Protein backbone atom coordinates (compact mmCIF):
# COMPACT_ATOMS: atom_id res chain seq x y z
CA MET A 1 76.39 65.11 -165.70
CA LEU A 2 73.46 64.45 -163.35
CA ILE A 3 73.87 61.77 -160.67
CA LEU A 4 70.62 60.46 -159.20
CA TYR A 5 70.66 57.92 -156.40
CA GLY A 6 68.36 56.01 -154.07
CA SER A 7 69.75 54.78 -150.78
CA GLN A 8 68.04 53.07 -147.84
CA THR A 9 70.93 52.73 -145.39
CA GLY A 10 73.54 55.12 -146.80
CA THR A 11 75.71 52.64 -148.71
CA THR A 12 74.48 53.68 -152.16
CA GLU A 13 74.81 57.32 -151.17
CA ALA A 14 78.48 56.70 -150.39
CA PHE A 15 79.08 55.23 -153.86
CA ALA A 16 77.17 58.09 -155.48
CA LYS A 17 79.44 60.55 -153.70
CA ILE A 18 82.48 58.71 -155.05
CA VAL A 19 81.14 59.11 -158.60
CA HIS A 20 80.50 62.79 -157.92
CA ALA A 21 83.93 63.46 -156.39
CA PHE A 22 85.89 61.88 -159.20
CA ALA A 23 83.67 63.33 -161.92
CA THR A 24 84.43 66.73 -160.38
CA ALA A 25 88.16 65.97 -160.46
CA ARG A 26 87.82 65.11 -164.14
CA GLY A 27 86.16 68.46 -164.93
CA LEU A 28 82.66 67.14 -165.63
CA ALA A 29 80.74 69.60 -163.36
CA PRO A 30 78.39 66.90 -161.98
CA ARG A 31 75.28 67.46 -159.87
CA LEU A 32 74.46 64.97 -157.11
CA VAL A 33 70.79 64.67 -156.18
CA ILE A 34 68.63 62.22 -154.25
CA ALA A 35 66.36 60.78 -156.94
CA ASP A 36 63.06 61.84 -155.40
CA ASP A 37 64.35 65.38 -154.82
CA PHE A 38 64.68 65.83 -158.58
CA ASP A 39 61.87 66.62 -161.02
CA THR A 40 62.08 63.37 -162.96
CA ALA A 41 60.34 64.84 -165.99
CA GLN A 42 63.47 66.95 -166.52
CA VAL A 43 65.54 63.82 -167.17
CA ALA A 44 64.41 64.15 -170.80
CA HIS A 45 66.43 67.38 -171.00
CA GLU A 46 69.63 66.00 -169.45
CA ASP A 47 72.56 64.91 -171.59
CA VAL A 48 74.15 62.35 -169.22
CA VAL A 49 72.43 60.81 -166.19
CA VAL A 50 74.11 58.30 -163.89
CA PHE A 51 71.74 56.31 -161.68
CA LEU A 52 72.71 54.37 -158.56
CA THR A 53 70.18 52.40 -156.56
CA SER A 54 70.04 49.61 -154.06
CA THR A 55 67.32 46.98 -153.98
CA PHE A 56 65.38 47.14 -150.74
CA TYR A 57 63.29 44.55 -148.91
CA ASN A 58 61.50 42.27 -151.42
CA GLY A 59 62.93 43.66 -154.63
CA GLU A 60 61.70 47.20 -154.07
CA PHE A 61 63.30 50.55 -154.77
CA PRO A 62 64.60 52.55 -151.81
CA THR A 63 62.01 54.88 -150.29
CA ASN A 64 63.77 57.95 -151.74
CA PHE A 65 63.61 56.52 -155.28
CA THR A 66 59.97 55.39 -155.37
CA ARG A 67 58.47 58.55 -156.87
CA THR A 68 61.16 58.59 -159.56
CA TRP A 69 60.44 54.97 -160.45
CA ASP A 70 56.68 55.55 -160.48
CA TRP A 71 57.16 58.34 -163.03
CA LEU A 72 59.52 56.35 -165.22
CA ARG A 73 57.29 53.28 -165.04
CA THR A 74 54.16 55.13 -166.17
CA THR A 75 55.44 57.89 -168.46
CA SER A 76 55.38 57.82 -172.24
CA THR A 77 57.89 60.70 -172.49
CA SER A 78 60.74 60.01 -174.92
CA LEU A 79 64.25 60.07 -173.43
CA ALA A 80 65.94 59.91 -176.82
CA ALA A 81 68.22 62.86 -176.00
CA THR A 82 69.49 61.31 -172.79
CA LYS A 83 72.48 59.03 -172.26
CA PHE A 84 72.54 56.94 -169.09
CA ALA A 85 74.46 54.49 -166.94
CA VAL A 86 73.08 52.44 -164.04
CA PHE A 87 74.85 50.83 -161.10
CA GLY A 88 72.94 48.63 -158.66
CA LEU A 89 73.83 47.44 -155.18
CA GLY A 90 72.39 44.06 -154.28
CA ASN A 91 72.80 40.71 -152.60
CA THR A 92 72.97 37.49 -154.61
CA HIS A 93 71.42 35.57 -151.73
CA THR A 94 68.12 37.33 -152.40
CA LYS A 95 68.02 35.12 -155.52
CA ASP A 96 65.36 36.43 -157.94
CA ASN A 97 65.40 39.82 -156.23
CA PHE A 98 69.14 40.32 -156.78
CA ASN A 99 69.52 43.93 -157.98
CA ARG A 100 65.94 43.81 -159.18
CA ALA A 101 65.50 47.58 -158.87
CA ALA A 102 68.59 48.39 -160.95
CA LYS A 103 67.65 45.81 -163.60
CA GLN A 104 64.12 47.25 -163.93
CA LEU A 105 65.48 50.79 -164.11
CA ASP A 106 68.07 49.95 -166.77
CA ALA A 107 65.52 48.15 -168.94
CA ARG A 108 62.91 50.89 -168.60
CA LEU A 109 65.33 53.67 -169.57
CA GLU A 110 66.16 51.75 -172.74
CA GLU A 111 62.44 51.28 -173.46
CA LEU A 112 61.96 55.05 -173.22
CA GLY A 113 64.62 55.59 -175.89
CA ALA A 114 67.59 56.62 -173.75
CA THR A 115 71.07 55.57 -174.88
CA ARG A 116 73.00 53.23 -172.59
CA LEU A 117 76.59 54.45 -172.17
CA ILE A 118 77.97 51.26 -170.60
CA PRO A 119 76.47 47.95 -169.49
CA LEU A 120 74.51 47.78 -166.26
CA GLY A 121 76.77 47.39 -163.21
CA LEU A 122 75.62 44.89 -160.59
CA GLY A 123 77.27 45.17 -157.20
CA ASP A 124 77.07 42.16 -154.90
CA GLU A 125 77.46 42.44 -151.14
CA HIS A 126 78.86 38.89 -151.09
CA ALA A 127 81.42 39.24 -153.87
CA VAL A 128 85.12 38.91 -153.00
CA CYS A 129 85.40 42.67 -152.45
CA SER A 130 81.72 43.35 -151.85
CA HIS A 131 80.14 45.95 -154.17
CA GLU A 132 83.53 47.33 -155.22
CA THR A 133 84.26 44.13 -157.15
CA ALA A 134 81.81 45.35 -159.79
CA PHE A 135 81.95 49.07 -159.06
CA ARG A 136 85.63 49.64 -159.79
CA PRO A 137 85.61 48.28 -163.39
CA TRP A 138 82.18 49.86 -163.99
CA ILE A 139 83.30 53.36 -162.99
CA GLN A 140 86.56 53.05 -164.93
CA GLU A 141 84.60 52.05 -168.03
CA LEU A 142 82.36 55.08 -167.51
CA TRP A 143 85.33 57.47 -167.45
CA THR A 144 86.78 55.82 -170.52
CA LYS A 145 83.46 56.16 -172.38
CA LEU A 146 83.00 59.81 -171.44
CA LEU A 147 86.61 61.01 -171.57
CA GLY A 148 88.50 58.51 -173.70
CA ALA A 149 90.67 57.28 -170.81
CA HIS A 150 90.40 56.27 -167.15
CA GLY A 151 93.35 58.27 -165.82
CA LYS A 152 94.41 58.50 -162.18
CA MET A 153 93.09 61.68 -160.57
CA THR A 154 93.84 63.42 -157.31
CA LEU A 155 91.18 64.29 -154.75
CA PRO A 156 89.03 67.20 -155.91
CA VAL A 157 88.74 70.34 -153.78
CA GLN A 158 85.08 70.78 -152.88
CA TYR A 159 85.25 73.56 -150.29
CA GLU A 160 87.15 76.84 -150.15
CA LEU A 161 88.46 77.42 -146.61
CA ALA A 162 88.63 80.80 -144.86
CA TRP A 163 90.58 80.77 -141.59
CA SER A 164 90.19 83.17 -138.67
CA THR A 165 91.86 83.66 -135.31
CA VAL A 166 88.65 85.07 -133.85
CA GLU A 167 87.46 82.70 -131.15
CA ILE A 168 83.86 81.50 -131.29
CA PRO A 169 82.03 79.34 -128.75
CA SER A 170 82.25 75.59 -129.17
CA LYS A 171 78.94 74.02 -130.19
CA SER A 172 77.65 70.56 -130.96
CA ARG A 173 76.11 69.50 -134.25
CA LYS A 174 72.38 70.07 -134.67
CA ILE A 175 70.50 67.70 -136.96
CA PRO A 176 66.90 68.37 -138.00
CA GLY A 177 64.59 65.82 -136.42
CA PHE A 178 67.14 64.78 -133.78
CA ASP A 179 66.91 65.65 -130.10
CA GLY A 180 68.81 65.24 -126.86
CA PHE A 181 68.16 62.03 -124.88
CA ARG A 182 69.37 62.12 -121.26
CA VAL A 183 71.35 59.06 -120.18
CA VAL A 184 69.77 57.39 -117.13
CA SER A 185 72.15 54.42 -116.92
CA ASN A 186 74.67 52.53 -119.04
CA GLU A 187 74.94 49.02 -117.59
CA LEU A 188 77.51 46.42 -118.60
CA LEU A 189 75.61 43.15 -119.14
CA THR A 190 78.55 40.84 -119.82
CA PRO A 191 81.33 39.85 -117.39
CA GLU A 192 84.11 42.38 -116.83
CA GLY A 193 86.97 41.72 -119.24
CA TYR A 194 84.90 39.74 -121.78
CA GLU A 195 86.14 40.44 -125.32
CA ARG A 196 82.60 41.18 -126.52
CA PRO A 197 81.34 43.71 -123.94
CA THR A 198 77.61 44.34 -124.22
CA TYR A 199 75.72 47.18 -122.57
CA LEU A 200 72.14 48.17 -121.76
CA LEU A 201 71.68 51.91 -122.29
CA THR A 202 68.62 53.52 -120.70
CA LEU A 203 67.59 56.93 -122.02
CA GLU A 204 64.98 59.42 -120.90
CA LEU A 205 62.74 60.53 -123.76
CA PRO A 206 62.72 64.23 -124.67
CA PRO A 207 59.43 66.07 -124.00
CA ASN A 208 56.55 65.16 -126.34
CA THR A 209 58.45 62.15 -127.71
CA THR A 210 56.87 58.71 -127.84
CA TYR A 211 57.79 55.41 -129.42
CA GLU A 212 56.18 52.18 -130.60
CA LEU A 213 56.97 48.50 -130.28
CA GLY A 214 59.68 47.51 -132.77
CA ASP A 215 61.04 51.02 -133.30
CA HIS A 216 64.66 51.84 -134.04
CA ILE A 217 66.78 54.55 -132.49
CA GLN A 218 69.28 56.43 -134.63
CA VAL A 219 72.32 57.44 -132.62
CA CYS A 220 74.40 60.43 -133.68
CA TYR A 221 77.91 59.64 -132.48
CA THR A 222 81.12 61.66 -132.64
CA ASN A 223 84.79 61.00 -133.29
CA SER A 224 86.91 60.45 -130.20
CA ASP A 225 89.10 63.31 -128.97
CA ALA A 226 92.15 61.08 -129.44
CA LEU A 227 91.37 60.46 -133.12
CA VAL A 228 90.70 64.15 -133.78
CA THR A 229 93.99 65.09 -132.10
CA ARG A 230 95.95 62.56 -134.19
CA PHE A 231 94.37 63.84 -137.40
CA ALA A 232 95.17 67.45 -136.53
CA ALA A 233 98.76 66.53 -135.71
CA ARG A 234 99.20 64.71 -139.04
CA LEU A 235 97.96 67.75 -141.00
CA ASN A 236 99.59 70.29 -138.65
CA LEU A 237 96.26 71.94 -137.82
CA ASN A 238 95.26 74.16 -134.91
CA LEU A 239 92.10 72.65 -133.47
CA ASP A 240 91.14 75.92 -131.77
CA ALA A 241 91.15 77.86 -135.04
CA THR A 242 87.93 79.03 -136.65
CA VAL A 243 87.17 78.01 -140.21
CA GLN A 244 84.39 78.89 -142.64
CA LEU A 245 83.60 76.63 -145.58
CA ASN A 246 82.50 77.96 -148.94
CA PRO A 247 81.05 75.14 -151.08
CA LEU A 248 82.41 74.83 -154.59
CA GLY A 249 79.88 73.35 -157.00
CA ASN A 250 77.52 70.78 -155.54
CA ALA A 251 79.13 70.32 -152.10
CA LYS A 252 76.47 70.79 -149.42
CA TYR A 253 76.89 68.34 -146.55
CA LEU A 254 79.07 70.37 -144.19
CA PRO A 255 78.18 73.55 -142.25
CA VAL A 256 78.87 76.86 -143.99
CA GLU A 257 78.74 79.11 -140.93
CA PRO A 258 82.00 79.76 -139.02
CA ILE A 259 82.90 76.78 -136.83
CA ARG A 260 85.77 75.75 -134.60
CA LEU A 261 87.91 73.20 -136.35
CA ARG A 262 87.72 70.86 -133.35
CA ASP A 263 83.90 70.86 -133.59
CA LEU A 264 83.97 70.28 -137.35
CA LEU A 265 86.27 67.28 -137.08
CA ARG A 266 84.59 65.81 -134.00
CA ASP A 267 80.98 66.03 -135.20
CA TYR A 268 81.01 65.95 -139.00
CA VAL A 269 83.99 64.30 -140.73
CA ASP A 270 84.14 60.49 -140.66
CA LEU A 271 87.69 59.87 -139.47
CA SER A 272 87.10 56.35 -138.15
CA SER A 273 85.86 54.42 -141.21
CA PRO A 274 88.30 52.73 -143.61
CA PRO A 275 88.90 54.89 -146.71
CA SER A 276 87.27 53.55 -149.86
CA ARG A 277 89.40 52.14 -152.63
CA SER A 278 88.62 55.20 -154.76
CA PHE A 279 89.78 57.47 -151.96
CA LEU A 280 93.02 55.50 -151.67
CA GLU A 281 93.53 55.99 -155.40
CA GLY A 282 93.17 59.73 -154.86
CA LEU A 283 95.64 59.65 -151.97
CA SER A 284 98.18 57.83 -154.13
CA ALA A 285 98.23 60.80 -156.49
CA LEU A 286 99.27 63.03 -153.59
CA CYS A 287 102.24 60.88 -152.56
CA THR A 288 105.70 62.39 -153.02
CA VAL A 289 107.46 59.04 -152.59
CA PRO A 290 106.87 56.72 -155.59
CA ASP A 291 106.99 53.54 -153.51
CA GLU A 292 104.21 54.79 -151.24
CA ALA A 293 102.15 55.85 -154.24
CA LEU A 294 102.56 52.41 -155.79
CA ALA A 295 101.62 50.68 -152.52
CA LEU A 296 98.39 52.69 -152.26
CA GLU A 297 97.56 52.03 -155.92
CA ARG A 298 97.96 48.30 -155.40
CA LEU A 299 95.89 48.44 -152.24
CA ALA A 300 93.10 50.16 -154.17
CA GLU A 301 93.20 47.95 -157.26
CA ASP A 302 93.79 44.41 -155.93
CA MET A 303 90.51 42.46 -156.07
CA THR A 304 91.88 38.95 -155.61
CA ILE A 305 90.75 36.65 -152.82
CA GLY A 306 92.49 37.49 -149.56
CA ASN A 307 93.66 40.89 -150.83
CA ALA A 308 95.27 43.31 -148.38
CA TYR A 309 92.38 45.80 -148.41
CA SER A 310 89.79 43.19 -147.38
CA GLN A 311 92.11 41.99 -144.61
CA TYR A 312 92.42 45.53 -143.30
CA VAL A 313 88.68 46.18 -143.18
CA SER A 314 87.57 42.71 -142.05
CA GLY A 315 86.07 42.59 -138.60
CA ASN A 316 86.21 38.82 -138.25
CA SER A 317 89.50 38.61 -136.41
CA GLN A 318 90.28 39.72 -132.89
CA TRP A 319 93.68 40.90 -134.14
CA ARG A 320 93.66 43.65 -136.75
CA THR A 321 95.73 46.45 -138.15
CA PRO A 322 93.81 49.70 -137.57
CA PHE A 323 92.71 51.16 -140.89
CA THR A 324 90.96 54.44 -140.19
CA LEU A 325 91.61 57.44 -142.42
CA VAL A 326 94.00 58.70 -139.75
CA ASP A 327 95.93 55.40 -139.70
CA VAL A 328 96.38 55.48 -143.47
CA LEU A 329 97.69 59.04 -143.37
CA GLU A 330 100.11 58.18 -140.57
CA LEU A 331 101.34 55.02 -142.31
CA HIS A 332 102.10 56.99 -145.50
CA PRO A 333 103.88 60.17 -144.42
CA SER A 334 104.66 61.24 -147.99
CA ILE A 335 100.97 61.95 -148.73
CA ALA A 336 101.06 65.73 -149.21
CA ILE A 337 97.51 66.29 -148.06
CA GLU A 338 95.65 69.35 -146.82
CA LEU A 339 92.29 69.71 -145.12
CA LYS A 340 90.76 70.86 -148.42
CA HIS A 341 91.42 67.39 -149.86
CA ILE A 342 89.47 65.75 -147.03
CA LEU A 343 86.34 67.86 -146.74
CA GLY A 344 83.65 66.72 -149.15
CA ASN A 345 85.60 63.61 -150.20
CA THR A 346 85.14 61.66 -146.98
CA GLN A 347 81.77 60.69 -145.56
CA VAL A 348 79.89 62.87 -143.13
CA LEU A 349 79.26 61.03 -139.87
CA ARG A 350 75.89 59.29 -140.19
CA ALA A 351 73.63 58.17 -137.39
CA ARG A 352 73.74 54.44 -136.56
CA TYR A 353 70.57 52.36 -136.22
CA TYR A 354 69.86 50.22 -133.15
CA SER A 355 66.75 48.23 -132.26
CA VAL A 356 64.84 49.46 -129.25
CA CYS A 357 64.70 46.71 -126.61
CA SER A 358 61.95 48.10 -124.37
CA SER A 359 58.17 48.33 -124.64
CA PRO A 360 56.41 51.71 -124.45
CA LEU A 361 53.68 50.03 -122.40
CA GLN A 362 56.13 49.17 -119.63
CA SER A 363 58.52 52.13 -120.09
CA PRO A 364 56.51 55.02 -121.54
CA ARG A 365 59.09 57.71 -120.67
CA HIS A 366 62.26 55.71 -121.20
CA VAL A 367 63.77 53.83 -124.11
CA GLN A 368 66.43 51.14 -123.84
CA VAL A 369 69.11 49.99 -126.27
CA VAL A 370 71.39 46.96 -126.20
CA TYR A 371 74.70 47.32 -128.01
CA MET A 372 77.94 45.38 -128.25
CA VAL A 373 81.30 47.11 -128.53
CA ASP A 374 83.51 45.50 -131.16
CA THR A 375 87.07 45.54 -129.84
CA TRP A 376 90.32 44.53 -131.53
CA HIS A 377 93.93 44.27 -130.46
CA TYR A 378 96.63 45.96 -132.49
CA ARG A 379 98.72 43.38 -134.34
CA SER A 380 101.83 45.47 -133.77
CA ASP A 381 101.11 46.04 -130.05
CA PRO A 382 98.80 43.49 -128.37
CA THR A 383 98.52 45.66 -125.25
CA ARG A 384 96.63 48.31 -127.21
CA VAL A 385 92.94 47.99 -128.06
CA PHE A 386 90.69 49.91 -130.42
CA MET A 387 86.93 49.69 -130.78
CA GLY A 388 84.00 50.35 -133.10
CA ALA A 389 83.26 54.06 -133.47
CA ALA A 390 79.54 54.34 -132.63
CA ALA A 391 79.38 51.67 -129.92
CA GLY A 392 82.70 52.88 -128.51
CA TYR A 393 81.21 56.36 -128.19
CA MET A 394 78.10 55.00 -126.47
CA SER A 395 80.12 52.91 -124.02
CA LEU A 396 81.67 56.08 -122.59
CA LEU A 397 78.33 57.77 -121.88
CA ALA A 398 77.64 58.41 -118.19
CA PRO A 399 74.40 59.21 -116.33
CA ASN A 400 73.05 62.69 -117.16
CA ASP A 401 75.08 62.92 -120.38
CA ILE A 402 73.01 63.99 -123.38
CA MET A 403 73.04 61.79 -126.47
CA THR A 404 71.73 63.14 -129.77
CA ALA A 405 69.31 60.68 -131.36
CA THR A 406 65.92 60.19 -132.96
CA LEU A 407 63.37 57.39 -133.07
CA SER A 408 62.12 55.85 -136.30
CA ARG A 409 59.57 53.20 -137.19
CA GLY A 410 60.80 49.64 -137.44
CA TYR A 411 60.35 47.30 -140.42
CA PHE A 412 58.52 44.45 -138.70
CA ARG A 413 54.79 44.15 -139.29
CA MET A 414 53.28 43.15 -135.97
CA PRO A 415 50.44 40.64 -135.82
CA THR A 416 47.15 42.35 -135.07
CA SER A 417 46.16 39.60 -132.62
CA LEU A 418 48.01 38.73 -129.42
CA GLU A 419 46.99 35.13 -130.01
CA THR A 420 49.07 34.82 -133.20
CA PRO A 421 51.88 32.29 -132.60
CA ILE A 422 55.35 33.72 -133.12
CA LEU A 423 58.55 31.85 -133.93
CA GLY A 424 61.73 33.89 -133.70
CA VAL A 425 65.48 33.68 -134.13
CA ALA A 426 67.72 36.12 -132.24
CA LEU A 427 71.48 36.25 -132.67
CA GLY A 428 73.39 38.08 -129.93
CA THR A 429 72.08 41.61 -129.51
CA GLY A 430 69.26 40.65 -131.89
CA ILE A 431 67.49 39.75 -128.63
CA SER A 432 66.56 43.45 -128.41
CA PHE A 433 63.37 43.24 -130.44
CA PHE A 434 62.20 40.03 -128.74
CA ARG A 435 62.75 41.47 -125.27
CA ALA A 436 60.58 44.45 -126.22
CA LEU A 437 57.98 42.10 -127.69
CA LEU A 438 57.90 39.98 -124.53
CA GLN A 439 57.57 43.05 -122.32
CA HIS A 440 54.68 44.15 -124.50
CA ARG A 441 52.88 40.83 -124.32
CA ALA A 442 53.54 40.52 -120.58
CA TYR A 443 51.75 43.85 -120.10
CA TYR A 444 48.61 42.46 -121.71
CA GLN A 445 48.90 39.12 -119.91
CA GLU A 446 48.92 40.99 -116.59
CA ARG A 447 45.58 42.48 -117.65
CA ASN A 448 44.12 39.03 -118.36
CA ALA A 449 44.28 39.26 -122.16
CA PRO A 450 44.80 35.93 -124.00
CA VAL A 451 48.39 35.89 -125.29
CA SER A 452 50.06 33.13 -127.33
CA LYS A 453 53.56 31.86 -126.69
CA LEU A 454 56.70 32.98 -128.47
CA ARG A 455 59.15 30.21 -129.41
CA LEU A 456 62.57 31.84 -129.51
CA TYR A 457 65.85 30.36 -130.76
CA PHE A 458 68.58 32.45 -129.11
CA GLY A 459 72.03 32.14 -130.67
CA ILE A 460 74.91 33.10 -128.38
CA ARG A 461 78.56 32.09 -127.92
CA HIS A 462 78.86 31.26 -124.24
CA ALA A 463 76.00 30.66 -121.81
CA ALA A 464 78.11 31.98 -118.94
CA LYS A 465 79.21 35.15 -120.72
CA ASP A 466 76.67 36.52 -123.19
CA PHE A 467 73.29 35.01 -122.29
CA LEU A 468 71.70 38.45 -122.26
CA PHE A 469 68.66 38.95 -120.00
CA GLN A 470 68.77 35.30 -118.90
CA LYS A 471 66.83 35.78 -115.65
CA GLU A 472 64.24 37.98 -117.33
CA LEU A 473 63.74 35.45 -120.12
CA GLU A 474 63.39 32.61 -117.62
CA THR A 475 60.66 34.61 -115.89
CA TYR A 476 58.74 34.81 -119.17
CA VAL A 477 59.15 31.04 -119.54
CA GLN A 478 57.64 30.51 -116.09
CA ARG A 479 54.74 32.79 -116.99
CA GLY A 480 53.94 30.75 -120.10
CA LEU A 481 54.86 33.51 -122.53
CA LEU A 482 58.03 31.97 -123.91
CA GLU A 483 59.54 28.71 -125.14
CA LEU A 484 63.26 29.44 -125.04
CA VAL A 485 65.76 27.42 -127.08
CA PRO A 486 69.34 28.60 -126.43
CA ALA A 487 72.04 27.69 -128.96
CA CYS A 488 75.54 28.17 -127.53
CA SER A 489 78.02 27.92 -130.38
CA HIS A 490 81.28 27.99 -128.38
CA ASP A 491 80.39 25.86 -125.35
CA SER A 492 81.10 22.48 -126.96
CA SER A 493 83.13 20.92 -129.73
CA ASN A 494 80.00 21.01 -131.90
CA PHE A 495 79.25 24.39 -133.40
CA VAL A 496 75.61 24.66 -132.26
CA THR A 497 73.50 27.42 -133.80
CA PRO A 498 69.78 28.14 -134.08
CA VAL A 499 69.92 26.37 -137.45
CA THR A 500 71.00 23.22 -135.60
CA LYS A 501 68.08 23.53 -133.19
CA LEU A 502 65.57 24.23 -135.97
CA ARG A 503 66.66 21.10 -137.82
CA ASP A 504 66.63 18.96 -134.65
CA ASP A 505 62.97 19.65 -133.88
CA PRO A 506 60.98 20.29 -137.07
CA GLU A 507 57.72 19.37 -135.33
CA SER A 508 57.91 22.45 -133.08
CA VAL A 509 58.60 24.70 -136.05
CA ALA A 510 55.57 23.33 -137.87
CA ARG A 511 53.42 23.60 -134.74
CA TYR A 512 53.93 27.35 -134.70
CA LEU A 513 53.97 28.24 -138.37
CA ASP A 514 51.34 25.80 -139.63
CA ASN A 515 48.81 27.40 -137.30
CA GLY A 516 48.81 30.94 -138.66
CA GLY A 517 52.08 31.86 -136.96
CA VAL A 518 54.64 34.41 -138.06
CA TYR A 519 58.45 34.29 -138.17
CA PHE A 520 60.83 37.05 -137.11
CA TYR A 521 64.62 37.07 -137.49
CA CYS A 522 66.94 39.54 -135.73
CA GLY A 523 70.67 39.22 -136.23
CA ILE A 524 73.48 39.80 -138.68
CA GLY A 525 72.73 39.97 -142.38
CA GLY A 526 74.50 38.42 -145.34
CA THR A 527 73.95 34.71 -145.86
CA ILE A 528 72.99 33.92 -142.25
CA PRO A 529 69.27 34.76 -142.50
CA PHE A 530 68.92 32.46 -145.50
CA PHE A 531 70.40 29.50 -143.62
CA HIS A 532 67.68 29.90 -141.01
CA GLU A 533 64.94 30.33 -143.58
CA SER A 534 66.11 27.18 -145.37
CA ALA A 535 65.98 25.19 -142.12
CA ILE A 536 62.45 26.43 -141.51
CA GLN A 537 61.36 25.55 -145.04
CA VAL A 538 62.72 22.02 -144.57
CA ALA A 539 60.86 21.70 -141.28
CA LEU A 540 57.61 22.70 -142.94
């Protein structure tokens, strides 16, 4: 079996790894390859190929699937000897573009003569259980088609472990293309004690590093020492031991040179994310107590509205039950698990994207990032608090600490003229891009260049608590660079949002966008962007 995937943000990659792990456990000897890293012409010589792809931007394939699609789209090669299955990850709110890439791929493979093993699977981010609502029955049908039965399988062993008592120096993870950024300051922007603490992180650029307006920074974070210690205690591991991993089969995401176990767990293994449903299924097979096995099976399989799994992983409530991998292992002591069951079956820690909130014209040697730390109280002990992994890591950085990161180009296409009117919506820390944009335009205004105004709808909860950069924004208003429209959702009995403000003043919306203006949105995804776009369309 060959598994080819295209992933823009890492979500599809995670699902592809699930297919690979459980195909391995079922004895299928699968190969897992990024689509564009494979010679697509060789697909004609493969017996079974499983494709997974998201749909990116306006119905496009992910950037690491484009060459594969170009070949399939233009080739006349027969794929009559190949059997295939396709799973797509999409968003129904994109309407006509919902899973467009997967639909095109599935249809084209059939046109080229390949045999479809099972119907196309269409994951939806907004389904009751997100993409897993469609993925779970799709993958079970695939196993049934290939093997005659679904069957519950344990977690496959993907690395052989060799232990040593020889001490080696501790070392941090090195990632190609990433560098060390020195922390200059890490300033709390919100009032002390506010439940949504937000920080401004200022970093010194490494030598020969530059950035552009609208760029992103990818932050390589680590697991906390406390989480690593709990994991080691649960598995009875010596964190100071040295281990060397020998990949079995296609495993290739962890270091193969000798490494201290503490470094491996801190820098590589994702201990903080909730285990996937498929991983829970694998854990259930390792339980020695039937009741615990049954509880994990039900947790993995239940797809009904309000199911326990979705309640565990939901971030919408201030009160939650922690549901990291470590929590699950501690809550189910009969899981007879070893480190070999973890490595290769859990995700490798991936860098997190943040928008840069500074302009290279005003800060050529420094880059700034705004981030909010999600915090929750334990349901069982309200005095205890836990926080989001990446932002929690960043919040502990002190001046002169070194943070591993890299800069990447943003997705916004900037107007070529400074006189182009801009209408924007920022939700919370989505102000980052607009602050950088205003700094950029202020630089040119100071040099007597003609600059148009930006009309910005800024959605926040409380004016007194999370009106980020209020004084700076008011300065831009006084300079004629900004029309600022705050929308404070929690300061009155009416739930006021930027959508409210857009609907209340359609003339201003039309004044900007009917005169060659452009629209930018920065905030959470899901259905929220479409509510704003609908309000704008009504105004026009």
